[in-house]
Protein backbone atom coordinates (compact mmCIF):
# COMPACT_ATOMS: atom_id res chain seq x y z
CA MET A 1 -6.61 5.61 24.49
CA PRO A 2 -6.27 5.32 28.28
CA GLU A 3 -6.04 1.87 29.86
CA VAL A 4 -5.57 0.11 26.50
CA GLU A 5 -2.44 -1.78 25.47
CA ILE A 6 -1.53 -2.76 21.92
CA LEU A 7 0.45 -5.97 21.41
CA VAL A 8 1.79 -7.74 18.34
CA LEU A 9 1.74 -11.52 18.79
CA ASN A 10 3.10 -14.26 16.52
CA ASP A 11 1.34 -17.53 15.67
CA GLN A 12 2.60 -19.10 18.91
CA GLY A 13 1.16 -16.27 21.04
CA PHE A 14 4.49 -14.62 21.89
CA GLN A 15 5.24 -10.92 21.48
CA CYS A 16 6.97 -10.10 18.20
CA LYS A 17 10.32 -8.37 18.06
CA PRO A 18 10.60 -5.02 16.23
CA GLY A 19 10.24 -5.61 12.50
CA GLU A 20 8.62 -9.05 12.95
CA MET A 21 5.08 -9.36 11.60
CA GLY A 22 2.26 -10.66 13.78
CA GLU A 23 -1.38 -10.04 14.64
CA LEU A 24 -2.45 -6.82 16.34
CA ILE A 25 -4.01 -7.60 19.74
CA HIS A 26 -5.54 -5.03 22.05
CA ARG A 27 -6.41 -5.40 25.68
CA GLY A 28 -7.68 -3.17 28.44
CA ALA A 29 -10.68 -1.38 29.83
CA PHE A 30 -12.34 -0.62 26.49
CA VAL A 31 -12.24 -4.13 25.07
CA THR A 32 -15.73 -5.22 24.13
CA TYR A 33 -17.27 -8.21 25.85
CA GLY A 34 -17.99 -10.04 22.62
CA TYR A 35 -20.42 -10.59 19.83
CA LEU A 36 -23.94 -11.02 21.10
CA ASN A 37 -25.20 -14.62 20.66
CA ASN A 38 -22.29 -15.60 18.41
CA GLU A 39 -20.16 -18.14 20.28
CA SER A 40 -18.02 -19.19 17.31
CA LEU A 41 -17.05 -15.58 16.47
CA ASN A 42 -16.33 -14.89 20.15
CA GLU A 43 -14.08 -17.94 20.28
CA ALA A 44 -12.21 -16.84 17.14
CA LYS A 45 -11.72 -13.18 18.08
CA PHE A 46 -11.34 -13.12 21.87
CA ILE A 47 -8.46 -14.72 23.70
CA ARG A 48 -7.72 -15.18 27.38
CA PHE A 49 -4.54 -13.32 28.17
CA GLN A 50 -2.55 -14.02 31.34
CA THR A 51 -0.96 -10.78 32.48
CA GLY A 52 -0.62 -11.18 36.21
CA GLY A 53 1.21 -13.54 38.47
CA PRO A 54 -0.05 -16.58 40.38
CA GLY A 55 -3.67 -16.25 41.50
CA CYS A 56 -4.52 -13.53 38.98
CA LEU A 57 -7.36 -14.20 36.59
CA PRO A 58 -6.65 -13.93 32.88
CA GLU A 59 -8.21 -11.00 31.08
CA THR A 60 -9.87 -10.81 27.69
CA ALA A 61 -7.91 -9.51 24.72
CA VAL A 62 -9.20 -8.96 21.20
CA ARG A 63 -7.62 -10.34 18.03
CA SER A 64 -7.92 -7.61 15.40
CA GLY A 65 -7.14 -9.73 12.34
CA ASP A 66 -4.64 -7.08 11.21
CA ILE A 67 -1.11 -8.19 10.29
CA VAL A 68 1.27 -5.53 11.62
CA SER A 69 4.82 -4.92 12.75
CA LEU A 70 6.29 -2.48 15.23
CA ASP A 71 9.47 -0.52 14.71
CA GLU A 72 12.07 0.20 17.42
CA GLU A 73 10.14 3.31 18.51
CA GLY A 74 6.79 1.51 18.80
CA TYR A 75 5.19 2.80 15.59
CA ILE A 76 2.77 0.32 14.02
CA TYR A 77 2.97 -0.62 10.32
CA ILE A 78 -0.02 -2.39 8.78
CA HIS A 79 0.77 -5.15 6.26
CA GLY A 80 -2.66 -6.63 5.58
CA ARG A 81 -5.41 -8.76 7.09
CA LEU A 82 -5.35 -12.35 8.26
CA ASP A 83 -8.68 -13.04 6.58
CA MET A 84 -7.27 -11.92 3.22
CA GLN A 85 -3.94 -13.76 3.48
CA ILE A 86 -3.41 -16.47 0.90
CA LYS A 87 -1.86 -19.77 1.94
CA CYS A 88 -0.25 -21.31 -1.15
CA ASN A 89 2.27 -24.16 -1.11
CA GLY A 90 2.98 -23.53 2.59
CA TYR A 91 3.64 -19.80 2.15
CA ARG A 92 1.57 -17.04 3.75
CA ILE A 93 1.13 -14.39 1.10
CA SER A 94 -0.18 -10.86 1.51
CA PRO A 95 -2.42 -9.81 -1.40
CA ASP A 96 -1.47 -6.18 -0.75
CA GLU A 97 2.14 -6.78 -1.82
CA ILE A 98 1.07 -8.32 -5.13
CA GLU A 99 -1.52 -5.60 -5.74
CA GLU A 100 1.09 -2.89 -5.16
CA VAL A 101 3.43 -4.36 -7.77
CA ALA A 102 0.56 -4.95 -10.22
CA LEU A 103 -0.49 -1.30 -9.84
CA SER A 104 3.02 -0.18 -10.80
CA PHE A 105 2.52 -1.83 -14.21
CA ASN A 106 1.26 0.74 -16.70
CA PRO A 107 -1.73 0.95 -17.56
CA ILE A 108 -3.26 -1.01 -14.63
CA SER A 109 -5.57 1.25 -12.63
CA GLN A 110 -7.03 -1.19 -10.07
CA ALA A 111 -5.90 -4.58 -8.81
CA ALA A 112 -7.57 -7.14 -6.56
CA VAL A 113 -5.66 -10.22 -5.45
CA PHE A 114 -7.33 -13.10 -3.63
CA GLY A 115 -7.05 -16.81 -2.94
CA ARG A 116 -9.33 -19.61 -4.07
CA LYS A 117 -9.33 -23.15 -2.72
CA ASP A 118 -6.95 -25.47 -4.54
CA LYS A 119 -6.58 -29.16 -3.70
CA VAL A 120 -2.88 -29.19 -4.69
CA THR A 121 -1.53 -25.87 -3.36
CA GLY A 122 -4.06 -25.02 -0.62
CA GLN A 123 -5.08 -21.83 -2.40
CA SER A 124 -4.41 -20.46 -5.86
CA ILE A 125 -3.35 -16.84 -6.29
CA ASN A 126 -5.72 -14.82 -8.48
CA LEU A 127 -5.46 -11.30 -9.89
CA ALA A 128 -8.36 -9.23 -11.22
CA TYR A 129 -7.47 -5.85 -12.69
CA THR A 130 -8.76 -2.85 -14.62
CA THR A 131 -6.83 -0.52 -16.91
CA TYR A 132 -7.05 3.18 -17.61
CA GLY A 133 -7.94 2.57 -21.27
CA ASN A 134 -10.17 -0.47 -20.59
CA GLN A 135 -7.79 -2.55 -22.71
CA ASP A 136 -6.46 -5.94 -21.66
CA VAL A 137 -2.67 -6.09 -21.16
CA LYS A 138 -0.43 -8.90 -22.39
CA GLN A 139 -0.38 -11.40 -19.55
CA SER A 140 3.16 -12.48 -20.41
CA ALA A 141 4.38 -8.88 -19.98
CA LEU A 142 2.42 -8.47 -16.76
CA LYS A 143 3.86 -11.71 -15.37
CA ARG A 144 7.40 -10.63 -16.30
CA HIS A 145 6.78 -7.38 -14.44
CA LEU A 146 5.48 -9.23 -11.37
CA ILE A 147 8.38 -11.72 -11.42
CA SER A 148 10.89 -8.84 -11.53
CA ASP A 149 9.67 -7.54 -8.13
CA LEU A 150 8.08 -10.53 -6.38
CA PRO A 151 9.15 -14.03 -5.33
CA ASN A 152 8.06 -16.77 -7.75
CA TYR A 153 5.67 -18.32 -5.22
CA THR A 154 3.57 -15.11 -5.19
CA ILE A 155 2.92 -14.89 -8.94
CA PRO A 156 -0.81 -15.23 -9.69
CA ARG A 157 -1.85 -18.40 -11.51
CA TYR A 158 -5.06 -16.86 -12.85
CA ILE A 159 -5.29 -13.30 -14.17
CA LYS A 160 -8.36 -11.60 -15.60
CA HIS A 161 -9.07 -8.13 -16.99
CA TYR A 162 -12.31 -6.34 -16.06
CA LYS A 163 -13.78 -3.14 -17.44
CA SER A 164 -14.68 -2.39 -13.79
CA LEU A 165 -14.27 -4.48 -10.67
CA PRO A 166 -17.48 -5.59 -8.95
CA LEU A 167 -18.19 -3.59 -5.80
CA THR A 168 -20.20 -4.19 -2.64
CA PRO A 169 -22.96 -1.72 -1.70
CA SER A 170 -20.38 0.04 0.53
CA GLY A 171 -18.09 0.60 -2.48
CA LYS A 172 -15.41 -1.99 -1.62
CA VAL A 173 -14.20 -4.68 -4.01
CA ASP A 174 -16.63 -7.60 -3.96
CA TYR A 175 -14.25 -10.53 -3.52
CA GLN A 176 -17.06 -13.09 -3.33
CA THR A 177 -18.30 -12.11 -6.78
CA LEU A 178 -14.74 -12.21 -8.13
CA LYS A 179 -14.15 -15.68 -6.65
CA ALA A 180 -17.38 -16.97 -8.20
CA ASP A 181 -16.53 -15.40 -11.56
CA PHE A 182 -13.01 -16.88 -11.55
CA GLY A 183 -14.53 -20.25 -10.61
CA ASN A 184 -16.84 -20.04 -13.60
CA GLU A 185 -14.04 -19.04 -15.97
CA PHE A 186 -11.09 -21.06 -14.68
CA GLY A 187 -12.92 -23.89 -12.92
CA SER A 188 -12.96 -25.09 -9.36
CA ASN A 189 -9.75 -26.58 -7.99
CA ASP A 190 -11.07 -28.14 -4.79
């Protein structure tokens, strides 16, 4: 797109090196001016970006919420979303990585990983899944499978089988319903 620049910034606001993950930021002529009558969302999503020298006004850049990395050639690789990241015991965890490994366990057909508030760890890691035969799998076998491909700190504490995952009207996984259901079954940890 003409007059638009894509940046990848780390938590401190500096540009990431190739291979380093950060948030996708875009700036330029086609950046929207904000969310109408929503100051808090504007403050969260729009940042002032200083691009010029002394005397130049900062411009507005948009935080996408996407966690990405760039390779040496400038290609963008998407790793997940900030709003879906789980913060557990000081680690930032991408649900996508856990879901990918869970889906490689036969017979899991769908996987949804999400965080829930936890007063000890910050957030607990939770896995909801469906299977091709609608049969529950042995959680011990599933955990062994997850441990073989994932770091220990990413292993879900709570795991639940569903005949079908709840969906929003737009057909996406309904994480709010899952969180409420897990709260009812496993209790609140906050």
